PDB file of N, CA and C in Angstrom:
ATOM      1  N   MET A   1     173.102 102.409 -37.225  1.00  0.00           N
ATOM      2  CA  MET A   1     174.475 102.230 -36.806  1.00  0.00           C
ATOM      3  C   MET A   1     174.494 101.351 -35.560  1.00  0.00           C
ATOM      4  N   ARG A   2     175.384 100.397 -35.528  1.00  0.00           N
ATOM      5  CA  ARG A   2     175.506  99.508 -34.368  1.00  0.00           C
ATOM      6  C   ARG A   2     176.205 100.234 -33.232  1.00  0.00           C
ATOM      7  N   ASP A   3     175.775  99.935 -32.036  1.00  0.00           N
ATOM      8  CA  ASP A   3     176.376 100.526 -30.840  1.00  0.00           C
ATOM      9  C   ASP A   3     176.601  99.419 -29.815  1.00  0.00           C
ATOM     10  N   PRO A   4     177.540  98.487 -30.082  1.00  0.00           N
ATOM     11  CA  PRO A   4     177.759  97.390 -29.130  1.00  0.00           C
ATOM     12  C   PRO A   4     178.402  97.897 -27.842  1.00  0.00           C
ATOM     13  N   HIS A   5     177.888  97.439 -26.737  1.00  0.00           N
ATOM     14  CA  HIS A   5     178.457  97.803 -25.438  1.00  0.00           C
ATOM     15  C   HIS A   5     178.017  96.773 -24.399  1.00  0.00           C
ATOM     16  N   VAL A   6     178.699  96.764 -23.311  1.00  0.00           N
ATOM     17  CA  VAL A   6     178.390  95.846 -22.213  1.00  0.00           C
ATOM     18  C   VAL A   6     177.358  96.500 -21.311  1.00  0.00           C
ATOM     19  N   GLU A   7     176.265  95.798 -21.050  1.00  0.00           N
ATOM     20  CA  GLU A   7     175.236  96.321 -20.153  1.00  0.00           C
ATOM     21  C   GLU A   7     175.450  95.848 -18.731  1.00  0.00           C
ATOM     22  N   SER A   8     175.940  94.615 -18.591  1.00  0.00           N
ATOM     23  CA  SER A   8     176.193  94.089 -17.252  1.00  0.00           C
ATOM     24  C   SER A   8     177.211  92.959 -17.340  1.00  0.00           C
ATOM     25  N   LEU A   9     177.801  92.660 -16.198  1.00  0.00           N
ATOM     26  CA  LEU A   9     178.705  91.519 -16.060  1.00  0.00           C
ATOM     27  C   LEU A   9     178.115  90.601 -15.012  1.00  0.00           C
ATOM     28  N   ARG A  10     178.192  89.313 -15.253  1.00  0.00           N
ATOM     29  CA  ARG A  10     177.626  88.344 -14.314  1.00  0.00           C
ATOM     30  C   ARG A  10     178.682  87.290 -14.004  1.00  0.00           C
ATOM     31  N   TYR A  11     178.874  87.039 -12.713  1.00  0.00           N
ATOM     32  CA  TYR A  11     179.848  86.056 -12.249  1.00  0.00           C
ATOM     33  C   TYR A  11     179.164  85.062 -11.332  1.00  0.00           C
ATOM     34  N   ARG A  12     179.508  83.794 -11.435  1.00  0.00           N
ATOM     35  CA  ARG A  12     179.040  82.786 -10.487  1.00  0.00           C
ATOM     36  C   ARG A  12     180.160  82.601  -9.479  1.00  0.00           C
ATOM     37  N   LEU A  13     179.871  82.840  -8.210  1.00  0.00           N
ATOM     38  CA  LEU A  13     180.866  82.733  -7.146  1.00  0.00           C
ATOM     39  C   LEU A  13     180.750  81.381  -6.474  1.00  0.00           C
ATOM     40  N   LYS A  14     181.877  80.720  -6.312  1.00  0.00           N
ATOM     41  CA  LYS A  14     181.892  79.412  -5.658  1.00  0.00           C
ATOM     42  C   LYS A  14     182.823  79.475  -4.457  1.00  0.00           C
ATOM     43  N   THR A  15     182.428  78.808  -3.404  1.00  0.00           N
ATOM     44  CA  THR A  15     183.256  78.728  -2.204  1.00  0.00           C
ATOM     45  C   THR A  15     183.963  77.381  -2.175  1.00  0.00           C
ATOM     46  N   SER A  16     184.897  77.263  -1.260  1.00  0.00           N
ATOM     47  CA  SER A  16     185.571  75.973  -1.108  1.00  0.00           C
ATOM     48  C   SER A  16     184.580  74.961  -0.531  1.00  0.00           C
ATOM     49  N   GLU A  17     184.923  73.702  -0.616  1.00  0.00           N
ATOM     50  CA  GLU A  17     184.031  72.648  -0.115  1.00  0.00           C
ATOM     51  C   GLU A  17     183.831  72.730   1.394  1.00  0.00           C
ATOM     52  N   THR A  18     184.747  73.371   2.100  1.00  0.00           N
ATOM     53  CA  THR A  18     184.645  73.445   3.562  1.00  0.00           C
ATOM     54  C   THR A  18     183.909  74.697   4.043  1.00  0.00           C
ATOM     55  N   THR A  19     183.543  75.592   3.137  1.00  0.00           N
ATOM     56  CA  THR A  19     182.823  76.812   3.503  1.00  0.00           C
ATOM     57  C   THR A  19     181.362  76.665   3.112  1.00  0.00           C
ATOM     58  N   ILE A  20     180.471  76.863   4.084  1.00  0.00           N
ATOM     59  CA  ILE A  20     179.034  76.721   3.837  1.00  0.00           C
ATOM     60  C   ILE A  20     178.311  77.950   4.389  1.00  0.00           C
ATOM     61  N   TYR A  21     177.447  78.535   3.569  1.00  0.00           N
ATOM     62  CA  TYR A  21     176.592  79.637   3.999  1.00  0.00           C
ATOM     63  C   TYR A  21     175.156  79.131   3.971  1.00  0.00           C
ATOM     64  N   LYS A  22     174.463  79.244   5.088  1.00  0.00           N
ATOM     65  CA  LYS A  22     173.069  78.800   5.158  1.00  0.00           C
ATOM     66  C   LYS A  22     172.153  80.008   5.031  1.00  0.00           C
ATOM     67  N   ASN A  23     171.392  80.036   3.954  1.00  0.00           N
ATOM     68  CA  ASN A  23     170.421  81.101   3.689  1.00  0.00           C
ATOM     69  C   ASN A  23     171.022  82.506   3.792  1.00  0.00           C
ATOM     70  N   PRO A  24     172.087  82.794   3.064  1.00  0.00           N
ATOM     71  CA  PRO A  24     172.665  84.140   3.141  1.00  0.00           C
ATOM     72  C   PRO A  24     171.724  85.159   2.496  1.00  0.00           C
ATOM     73  N   PRO A  25     171.652  86.355   3.057  1.00  0.00           N
ATOM     74  CA  PRO A  25     170.795  87.383   2.460  1.00  0.00           C
ATOM     75  C   PRO A  25     171.430  87.927   1.178  1.00  0.00           C
ATOM     76  N   ALA A  26     170.603  88.454   0.314  1.00  0.00           N
ATOM     77  CA  ALA A  26     171.110  89.126  -0.887  1.00  0.00           C
ATOM     78  C   ALA A  26     171.853  90.385  -0.448  1.00  0.00           C
ATOM     79  N   VAL A  27     172.879  90.747  -1.201  1.00  0.00           N
ATOM     80  CA  VAL A  27     173.692  91.922  -0.886  1.00  0.00           C
ATOM     81  C   VAL A  27     173.710  92.832  -2.103  1.00  0.00           C
ATOM     82  N   LYS A  28     173.505  94.124  -1.877  1.00  0.00           N
ATOM     83  CA  LYS A  28     173.573  95.103  -2.953  1.00  0.00           C
ATOM     84  C   LYS A  28     174.496  96.224  -2.504  1.00  0.00           C
ATOM     85  N   PHE A  29     175.394  96.646  -3.387  1.00  0.00           N
ATOM     86  CA  PHE A  29     176.230  97.788  -3.056  1.00  0.00           C
ATOM     87  C   PHE A  29     176.411  98.663  -4.287  1.00  0.00           C
ATOM     88  N   THR A  30     176.582  99.958  -4.028  1.00  0.00           N
ATOM     89  CA  THR A  30     176.663 100.948  -5.093  1.00  0.00           C
ATOM     90  C   THR A  30     177.927 101.766  -4.932  1.00  0.00           C
ATOM     91  N   ARG A  31     178.596 101.992  -6.040  1.00  0.00           N
ATOM     92  CA  ARG A  31     179.762 102.867  -6.110  1.00  0.00           C
ATOM     93  C   ARG A  31     179.434 103.958  -7.132  1.00  0.00           C
ATOM     94  N   ASN A  32     180.276 104.943  -7.253  1.00  0.00           N
ATOM     95  CA  ASN A  32     180.014 106.020  -8.208  1.00  0.00           C
ATOM     96  C   ASN A  32     179.845 105.498  -9.632  1.00  0.00           C
ATOM     97  N   GLU A  33     180.648 104.520 -10.025  1.00  0.00           N
ATOM     98  CA  GLU A  33     180.664 104.055 -11.403  1.00  0.00           C
ATOM     99  C   GLU A  33     179.741 102.866 -11.677  1.00  0.00           C
ATOM    100  N   PHE A  34     179.420 102.074 -10.661  1.00  0.00           N
ATOM    101  CA  PHE A  34     178.662 100.848 -10.895  1.00  0.00           C
ATOM    102  C   PHE A  34     177.888 100.451  -9.652  1.00  0.00           C
ATOM    103  N   GLU A  35     176.960  99.502  -9.824  1.00  0.00           N
ATOM    104  CA  GLU A  35     176.289  98.891  -8.681  1.00  0.00           C
ATOM    105  C   GLU A  35     176.260  97.386  -8.894  1.00  0.00           C
ATOM    106  N   CYS A  36     176.342  96.656  -7.791  1.00  0.00           N
ATOM    107  CA  CYS A  36     176.409  95.199  -7.853  1.00  0.00           C
ATOM    108  C   CYS A  36     175.368  94.589  -6.927  1.00  0.00           C
ATOM    109  N   HIS A  37     174.922  93.405  -7.318  1.00  0.00           N
ATOM    110  CA  HIS A  37     173.938  92.667  -6.546  1.00  0.00           C
ATOM    111  C   HIS A  37     174.401  91.219  -6.479  1.00  0.00           C
ATOM    112  N   LEU A  38     174.543  90.696  -5.262  1.00  0.00           N
ATOM    113  CA  LEU A  38     174.947  89.307  -5.056  1.00  0.00           C
ATOM    114  C   LEU A  38     173.768  88.552  -4.469  1.00  0.00           C
ATOM    115  N   ASN A  39     173.326  87.519  -5.184  1.00  0.00           N
ATOM    116  CA  ASN A  39     172.195  86.729  -4.722  1.00  0.00           C
ATOM    117  C   ASN A  39     172.362  85.297  -5.214  1.00  0.00           C
ATOM    118  N   ASP A  40     172.263  84.357  -4.314  1.00  0.00           N
ATOM    119  CA  ASP A  40     172.306  82.935  -4.650  1.00  0.00           C
ATOM    120  C   ASP A  40     173.566  82.564  -5.434  1.00  0.00           C
ATOM    121  N   GLY A  41     174.698  83.143  -5.038  1.00  0.00           N
ATOM    122  CA  GLY A  41     175.976  82.805  -5.655  1.00  0.00           C
ATOM    123  C   GLY A  41     176.256  83.480  -6.977  1.00  0.00           C
ATOM    124  N   VAL A  42     175.384  84.401  -7.391  1.00  0.00           N
ATOM    125  CA  VAL A  42     175.590  85.114  -8.653  1.00  0.00           C
ATOM    126  C   VAL A  42     175.772  86.600  -8.361  1.00  0.00           C
ATOM    127  N   LEU A  43     176.903  87.144  -8.817  1.00  0.00           N
ATOM    128  CA  LEU A  43     177.192  88.572  -8.684  1.00  0.00           C
ATOM    129  C   LEU A  43     176.932  89.223 -10.035  1.00  0.00           C
ATOM    130  N   THR A  44     176.023  90.204 -10.057  1.00  0.00           N
ATOM    131  CA  THR A  44     175.706  90.932 -11.280  1.00  0.00           C
ATOM    132  C   THR A  44     176.070  92.392 -11.071  1.00  0.00           C
ATOM    133  N   CYS A  45     176.861  92.952 -11.993  1.00  0.00           N
ATOM    134  CA  CYS A  45     177.305  94.346 -11.901  1.00  0.00           C
ATOM    135  C   CYS A  45     176.819  95.117 -13.120  1.00  0.00           C
ATOM    136  N   HIS A  46     176.262  96.300 -12.862  1.00  0.00           N
ATOM    137  CA  HIS A  46     175.775  97.200 -13.914  1.00  0.00           C
ATOM    138  C   HIS A  46     176.520  98.519 -13.800  1.00  0.00           C
ATOM    139  N   MET A  47     176.912  99.062 -14.939  1.00  0.00           N
ATOM    140  CA  MET A  47     177.503 100.396 -14.950  1.00  0.00           C
ATOM    141  C   MET A  47     176.401 101.420 -14.677  1.00  0.00           C
ATOM    142  N   ARG A  48     176.759 102.476 -13.976  1.00  0.00           N
ATOM    143  CA  ARG A  48     175.807 103.560 -13.726  1.00  0.00           C
ATOM    144  C   ARG A  48     176.019 104.645 -14.765  1.00  0.00           C
ATOM    145  N   GLU A  49     174.987 105.381 -15.049  1.00  0.00           N
ATOM    146  CA  GLU A  49     175.110 106.459 -16.040  1.00  0.00           C
ATOM    147  C   GLU A  49     175.282 107.782 -15.371  1.00  0.00           C
TER     148      GLU A  49
END
């Protein structure tokens, strides 16, 4: 039986041309329902079980 579901969501974040971040650190945050990791302009979110 098929069980299609979303494992993660991935977004590419872009800033305006006038905003520049030099060597920003990776950021990770956790909520009750999900956790997200932002690194190199890519935000990846995973549902928690």
